[in-house]
Amino acid sequence: MVVYLAQGELKHTREDVINYFSSKQSLIESNNDDEHFVENIGNEPAVLYVFESSAVGLPSTINK
């Protein structure tokens, strides 16, 4: 998945890795069986556009 943050500020935590994102930034998100958390840390609502692709008949994420 490609996530575009159109508005707001996010904190993304996956295990011990913390990343911060602000308006007009993008990130790539995948499911590698790791728990992750996304938190809105700004003073306004976060607006995200999420783009996902897959093939017909296949899941969009694969859990190992």
C-alpha atoms as a PDB file:
ATOM      1  CA  MET A   1       0.000   0.000   0.000  1.00  0.00           C
ATOM      2  CA  VAL A   2       1.073   3.536  -0.686  1.00  0.00           C
ATOM      3  CA  VAL A   3      -0.262   6.073   1.805  1.00  0.00           C
ATOM      4  CA  TYR A   4      -0.314   9.795   1.010  1.00  0.00           C
ATOM      5  CA  LEU A   5      -0.833  12.116   3.971  1.00  0.00           C
ATOM      6  CA  ALA A   6      -2.722  15.081   2.535  1.00  0.00           C
ATOM      7  CA  GLN A   7      -3.249  16.808   5.890  1.00  0.00           C
ATOM      8  CA  GLY A   8      -2.053  16.337   9.444  1.00  0.00           C
ATOM      9  CA  GLU A   9       0.855  14.811  11.325  1.00  0.00           C
ATOM     10  CA  LEU A  10       1.332  11.121  12.083  1.00  0.00           C
ATOM     11  CA  LYS A  11       3.525   9.005  14.320  1.00  0.00           C
ATOM     12  CA  HIS A  12       4.114   5.491  12.934  1.00  0.00           C
ATOM     13  CA  THR A  13       5.529   2.879  15.319  1.00  0.00           C
ATOM     14  CA  ARG A  14       6.618  -0.632  14.278  1.00  0.00           C
ATOM     15  CA  GLU A  15       8.459  -2.489  17.036  1.00  0.00           C
ATOM     16  CA  ASP A  16      11.337  -0.168  18.084  1.00  0.00           C
ATOM     17  CA  VAL A  17      11.220   1.987  14.931  1.00  0.00           C
ATOM     18  CA  ILE A  18       9.342   5.291  15.105  1.00  0.00           C
ATOM     19  CA  ASN A  19       8.781   7.516  12.064  1.00  0.00           C
ATOM     20  CA  TYR A  20       7.017  10.862  11.825  1.00  0.00           C
ATOM     21  CA  PHE A  21       5.121  12.072   8.763  1.00  0.00           C
ATOM     22  CA  SER A  22       3.605  15.467   7.963  1.00  0.00           C
ATOM     23  CA  SER A  23       1.345  16.869   5.258  1.00  0.00           C
ATOM     24  CA  LYS A  24       2.238  16.070   1.657  1.00  0.00           C
ATOM     25  CA  GLN A  25       4.466  13.123   2.542  1.00  0.00           C
ATOM     26  CA  SER A  26       3.996   9.505   1.505  1.00  0.00           C
ATOM     27  CA  LEU A  27       4.881   6.166   2.996  1.00  0.00           C
ATOM     28  CA  ILE A  28       4.773   2.548   1.908  1.00  0.00           C
ATOM     29  CA  GLU A  29       2.967   0.219   4.272  1.00  0.00           C
ATOM     30  CA  SER A  30       3.077  -3.561   4.281  1.00  0.00           C
ATOM     31  CA  ASN A  31       2.036  -6.335   6.597  1.00  0.00           C
ATOM     32  CA  ASN A  32       5.030  -8.407   7.677  1.00  0.00           C
ATOM     33  CA  ASP A  33       3.243  -9.879  10.699  1.00  0.00           C
ATOM     34  CA  ASP A  34       4.638  -7.025  12.791  1.00  0.00           C
ATOM     35  CA  GLU A  35       2.200  -5.057  14.888  1.00  0.00           C
ATOM     36  CA  HIS A  36       2.269  -1.385  14.070  1.00  0.00           C
ATOM     37  CA  PHE A  37       0.455   1.673  15.320  1.00  0.00           C
ATOM     38  CA  VAL A  38      -0.365   4.954  13.608  1.00  0.00           C
ATOM     39  CA  GLU A  39      -1.285   7.935  15.769  1.00  0.00           C
ATOM     40  CA  ASN A  40      -2.502  11.382  14.766  1.00  0.00           C
ATOM     41  CA  ILE A  41      -0.211  13.752  16.695  1.00  0.00           C
ATOM     42  CA  GLY A  42      -1.376  16.969  15.073  1.00  0.00           C
ATOM     43  CA  ASN A  43      -3.975  19.534  16.066  1.00  0.00           C
ATOM     44  CA  GLU A  44      -6.191  18.858  13.049  1.00  0.00           C
ATOM     45  CA  PRO A  45      -7.761  15.743  11.538  1.00  0.00           C
ATOM     46  CA  ALA A  46      -5.413  13.606   9.484  1.00  0.00           C
ATOM     47  CA  VAL A  47      -6.498  13.043   5.876  1.00  0.00           C
ATOM     48  CA  LEU A  48      -4.952  10.012   4.197  1.00  0.00           C
ATOM     49  CA  TYR A  49      -5.293   8.602   0.700  1.00  0.00           C
ATOM     50  CA  VAL A  50      -4.476   4.899   0.567  1.00  0.00           C
ATOM     51  CA  PHE A  51      -3.624   3.185  -2.734  1.00  0.00           C
ATOM     52  CA  GLU A  52      -3.594  -0.587  -2.763  1.00  0.00           C
ATOM     53  CA  SER A  53      -2.971  -2.987  -5.594  1.00  0.00           C
ATOM     54  CA  SER A  54      -3.253  -6.729  -5.947  1.00  0.00           C
ATOM     55  CA  ALA A  55      -4.055  -9.332  -8.578  1.00  0.00           C
ATOM     56  CA  VAL A  56      -7.494 -10.843  -9.054  1.00  0.00           C
ATOM     57  CA  GLY A  57      -7.933 -13.763  -6.664  1.00  0.00           C
ATOM     58  CA  LEU A  58      -4.925 -12.873  -4.508  1.00  0.00           C
ATOM     59  CA  PRO A  59      -5.000 -11.188  -1.105  1.00  0.00           C
ATOM     60  CA  SER A  60      -3.753  -7.625  -0.826  1.00  0.00           C
ATOM     61  CA  THR A  61      -1.455  -8.639   2.050  1.00  0.00           C
ATOM     62  CA  ILE A  62       0.135 -11.970   2.867  1.00  0.00           C
ATOM     63  CA  ASN A  63       0.596 -13.123   6.451  1.00  0.00           C
ATOM     64  CA  LYS A  64       3.558 -15.442   6.877  1.00  0.00           C
END
